[in-house]
Amino acid sequence: MPHIKPRYLNGQRGTGHHASFDGIAFHALAVNDIVIAVGYDGDRIKWAKADANDFARVNGVMGIADHAAGTDERVRVVSHKLITGVNTDAATAVGHPVYLSDQGAWSLT
């Protein structure tokens, strides 16, 4: 199992997140993208957008891009956060689980 250096774990202050990863974007990422660890760049984790149709991009350490980042730019990835602007009208209750859709976005199914 890989060892994550403590200096790349960042405590979140004032946002409600308990921790984050300081990594590198494998390709351009948008804020709130569901991402997965795909390797390393030096001693930093490389993150790519998760893809439900690509087995290599659905199993492993996943998180949420906390901000937008271009290819090979630094990105902060959090384990959970409050997401706004996602249509969840079909949810049956508050706290209804969300999933990774076939298009790599948020889904209720």
C-alpha atoms as a PDB file:
ATOM      1  CA  MET A   1       0.000   0.000   0.000  1.00  0.00           C
ATOM      2  CA  PRO A   2       1.436   3.411  -0.924  1.00  0.00           C
ATOM      3  CA  HIS A   3       2.548   5.782   1.780  1.00  0.00           C
ATOM      4  CA  ILE A   4       1.100   9.296   1.636  1.00  0.00           C
ATOM      5  CA  LYS A   5       3.476  11.858   3.054  1.00  0.00           C
ATOM      6  CA  PRO A   6       1.844  13.947   5.823  1.00  0.00           C
ATOM      7  CA  ARG A   7       2.985  17.208   4.227  1.00  0.00           C
ATOM      8  CA  TYR A   8       0.568  16.528   1.346  1.00  0.00           C
ATOM      9  CA  LEU A   9      -2.438  16.106   3.659  1.00  0.00           C
ATOM     10  CA  ASN A  10      -3.986  19.493   4.296  1.00  0.00           C
ATOM     11  CA  GLY A  11      -6.457  20.197   7.073  1.00  0.00           C
ATOM     12  CA  GLN A  12      -9.436  22.223   5.851  1.00  0.00           C
ATOM     13  CA  ARG A  13     -10.189  25.300   7.919  1.00  0.00           C
ATOM     14  CA  GLY A  14     -13.618  26.871   7.754  1.00  0.00           C
ATOM     15  CA  THR A  15     -14.960  24.677   4.976  1.00  0.00           C
ATOM     16  CA  GLY A  16     -16.150  21.594   6.859  1.00  0.00           C
ATOM     17  CA  HIS A  17     -13.772  19.182   5.125  1.00  0.00           C
ATOM     18  CA  HIS A  18     -11.659  17.025   7.398  1.00  0.00           C
ATOM     19  CA  ALA A  19      -8.701  16.624   5.065  1.00  0.00           C
ATOM     20  CA  SER A  20      -7.538  16.997   1.500  1.00  0.00           C
ATOM     21  CA  PHE A  21      -4.845  15.764  -0.865  1.00  0.00           C
ATOM     22  CA  ASP A  22      -2.458  18.148  -2.593  1.00  0.00           C
ATOM     23  CA  GLY A  23      -1.877  16.546  -5.982  1.00  0.00           C
ATOM     24  CA  ILE A  24      -1.409  17.090  -9.713  1.00  0.00           C
ATOM     25  CA  ALA A  25      -4.166  17.065 -12.357  1.00  0.00           C
ATOM     26  CA  PHE A  26      -3.611  14.350 -15.004  1.00  0.00           C
ATOM     27  CA  HIS A  27      -5.759  16.429 -17.388  1.00  0.00           C
ATOM     28  CA  ALA A  28      -7.993  19.499 -17.015  1.00  0.00           C
ATOM     29  CA  LEU A  29     -10.393  19.177 -14.078  1.00  0.00           C
ATOM     30  CA  ALA A  30     -13.431  21.280 -13.219  1.00  0.00           C
ATOM     31  CA  VAL A  31     -14.519  22.207  -9.715  1.00  0.00           C
ATOM     32  CA  ASN A  32     -16.556  19.368  -8.129  1.00  0.00           C
ATOM     33  CA  ASP A  33     -15.407  16.715 -10.642  1.00  0.00           C
ATOM     34  CA  ILE A  34     -15.329  13.200  -9.210  1.00  0.00           C
ATOM     35  CA  VAL A  35     -11.667  12.207  -9.486  1.00  0.00           C
ATOM     36  CA  ILE A  36      -9.562   9.102  -8.924  1.00  0.00           C
ATOM     37  CA  ALA A  37      -5.879   8.600  -8.199  1.00  0.00           C
ATOM     38  CA  VAL A  38      -4.127   7.288 -11.329  1.00  0.00           C
ATOM     39  CA  GLY A  39      -0.452   7.420 -10.392  1.00  0.00           C
ATOM     40  CA  TYR A  40       2.263   9.714  -9.142  1.00  0.00           C
ATOM     41  CA  ASP A  41       4.146  12.752 -10.355  1.00  0.00           C
ATOM     42  CA  GLY A  42       7.294  12.683  -8.232  1.00  0.00           C
ATOM     43  CA  ASP A  43       5.911  12.227  -4.745  1.00  0.00           C
ATOM     44  CA  ARG A  44       2.480  13.762  -5.461  1.00  0.00           C
ATOM     45  CA  ILE A  45      -0.629  11.822  -6.436  1.00  0.00           C
ATOM     46  CA  LYS A  46      -1.932  12.371  -9.980  1.00  0.00           C
ATOM     47  CA  TRP A  47      -5.715  12.763 -10.234  1.00  0.00           C
ATOM     48  CA  ALA A  48      -7.939  12.118 -13.280  1.00  0.00           C
ATOM     49  CA  LYS A  49     -11.674  12.468 -13.771  1.00  0.00           C
ATOM     50  CA  ALA A  50     -13.378   9.219 -12.785  1.00  0.00           C
ATOM     51  CA  ASP A  51     -15.073   7.280 -15.589  1.00  0.00           C
ATOM     52  CA  ALA A  52     -17.747   4.642 -14.892  1.00  0.00           C
ATOM     53  CA  ASN A  53     -17.025   2.995 -18.274  1.00  0.00           C
ATOM     54  CA  ASP A  54     -13.278   2.592 -17.676  1.00  0.00           C
ATOM     55  CA  PHE A  55     -12.532  -0.108 -15.090  1.00  0.00           C
ATOM     56  CA  ALA A  56      -9.156   1.483 -14.336  1.00  0.00           C
ATOM     57  CA  ARG A  57     -10.930   4.712 -13.351  1.00  0.00           C
ATOM     58  CA  VAL A  58     -13.628   3.406 -10.999  1.00  0.00           C
ATOM     59  CA  ASN A  59     -11.618   1.376  -8.467  1.00  0.00           C
ATOM     60  CA  GLY A  60      -9.217   3.106  -6.136  1.00  0.00           C
ATOM     61  CA  VAL A  61      -8.867   6.248  -4.067  1.00  0.00           C
ATOM     62  CA  MET A  62     -11.552   8.708  -5.160  1.00  0.00           C
ATOM     63  CA  GLY A  63     -12.345  12.266  -4.186  1.00  0.00           C
ATOM     64  CA  ILE A  64     -13.782  15.560  -5.363  1.00  0.00           C
ATOM     65  CA  ALA A  65     -11.787  18.310  -7.075  1.00  0.00           C
ATOM     66  CA  ASP A  66     -12.056  21.299  -4.744  1.00  0.00           C
ATOM     67  CA  HIS A  67     -11.217  23.769  -7.539  1.00  0.00           C
ATOM     68  CA  ALA A  68     -10.548  23.774 -11.280  1.00  0.00           C
ATOM     69  CA  ALA A  69      -7.059  22.846 -12.499  1.00  0.00           C
ATOM     70  CA  GLY A  70      -5.412  22.542 -15.896  1.00  0.00           C
ATOM     71  CA  THR A  71      -3.259  19.655 -17.089  1.00  0.00           C
ATOM     72  CA  ASP A  72      -0.242  19.122 -14.794  1.00  0.00           C
ATOM     73  CA  GLU A  73      -1.376  21.902 -12.422  1.00  0.00           C
ATOM     74  CA  ARG A  74      -1.713  21.485  -8.661  1.00  0.00           C
ATOM     75  CA  VAL A  75      -5.146  20.423  -7.467  1.00  0.00           C
ATOM     76  CA  ARG A  76      -6.638  19.994  -4.014  1.00  0.00           C
ATOM     77  CA  VAL A  77      -8.828  16.879  -3.729  1.00  0.00           C
ATOM     78  CA  VAL A  78     -11.224  16.403  -0.809  1.00  0.00           C
ATOM     79  CA  SER A  79     -12.973  13.274   0.404  1.00  0.00           C
ATOM     80  CA  HIS A  80     -16.340  15.004   0.820  1.00  0.00           C
ATOM     81  CA  LYS A  81     -17.939  18.424   0.522  1.00  0.00           C
ATOM     82  CA  LEU A  82     -21.250  20.160   0.030  1.00  0.00           C
ATOM     83  CA  ILE A  83     -21.927  20.384  -3.709  1.00  0.00           C
ATOM     84  CA  THR A  84     -24.302  23.015  -5.077  1.00  0.00           C
ATOM     85  CA  GLY A  85     -25.788  23.384  -8.542  1.00  0.00           C
ATOM     86  CA  VAL A  86     -26.495  19.662  -9.045  1.00  0.00           C
ATOM     87  CA  ASN A  87     -30.114  18.758  -9.857  1.00  0.00           C
ATOM     88  CA  THR A  88     -31.224  16.288  -7.182  1.00  0.00           C
ATOM     89  CA  ASP A  89     -35.004  16.746  -7.599  1.00  0.00           C
ATOM     90  CA  ALA A  90     -35.421  12.984  -8.061  1.00  0.00           C
ATOM     91  CA  ALA A  91     -33.896  12.259  -4.633  1.00  0.00           C
ATOM     92  CA  THR A  92     -36.306  10.652  -2.196  1.00  0.00           C
ATOM     93  CA  ALA A  93     -34.851  12.245   0.931  1.00  0.00           C
ATOM     94  CA  VAL A  94     -32.169  14.543   2.285  1.00  0.00           C
ATOM     95  CA  GLY A  95     -28.868  12.670   2.290  1.00  0.00           C
ATOM     96  CA  HIS A  96     -29.882  10.458  -0.650  1.00  0.00           C
ATOM     97  CA  PRO A  97     -26.710   8.831  -2.036  1.00  0.00           C
ATOM     98  CA  VAL A  98     -25.215  10.062  -5.300  1.00  0.00           C
ATOM     99  CA  TYR A  99     -23.188   7.980  -7.745  1.00  0.00           C
ATOM    100  CA  LEU A 100     -20.786   8.308 -10.655  1.00  0.00           C
ATOM    101  CA  SER A 101     -22.792   8.324 -13.907  1.00  0.00           C
ATOM    102  CA  ASP A 102     -21.715   6.821 -17.223  1.00  0.00           C
ATOM    103  CA  GLN A 103     -20.707  10.331 -18.321  1.00  0.00           C
ATOM    104  CA  GLY A 104     -18.451  10.848 -15.271  1.00  0.00           C
ATOM    105  CA  ALA A 105     -20.844  13.254 -13.571  1.00  0.00           C
ATOM    106  CA  TRP A 106     -23.099  13.059 -10.509  1.00  0.00           C
ATOM    107  CA  SER A 107     -26.164  10.759 -10.687  1.00  0.00           C
ATOM    108  CA  LEU A 108     -28.882   9.480  -8.349  1.00  0.00           C
ATOM    109  CA  THR A 109     -28.917   6.009  -9.940  1.00  0.00           C
END
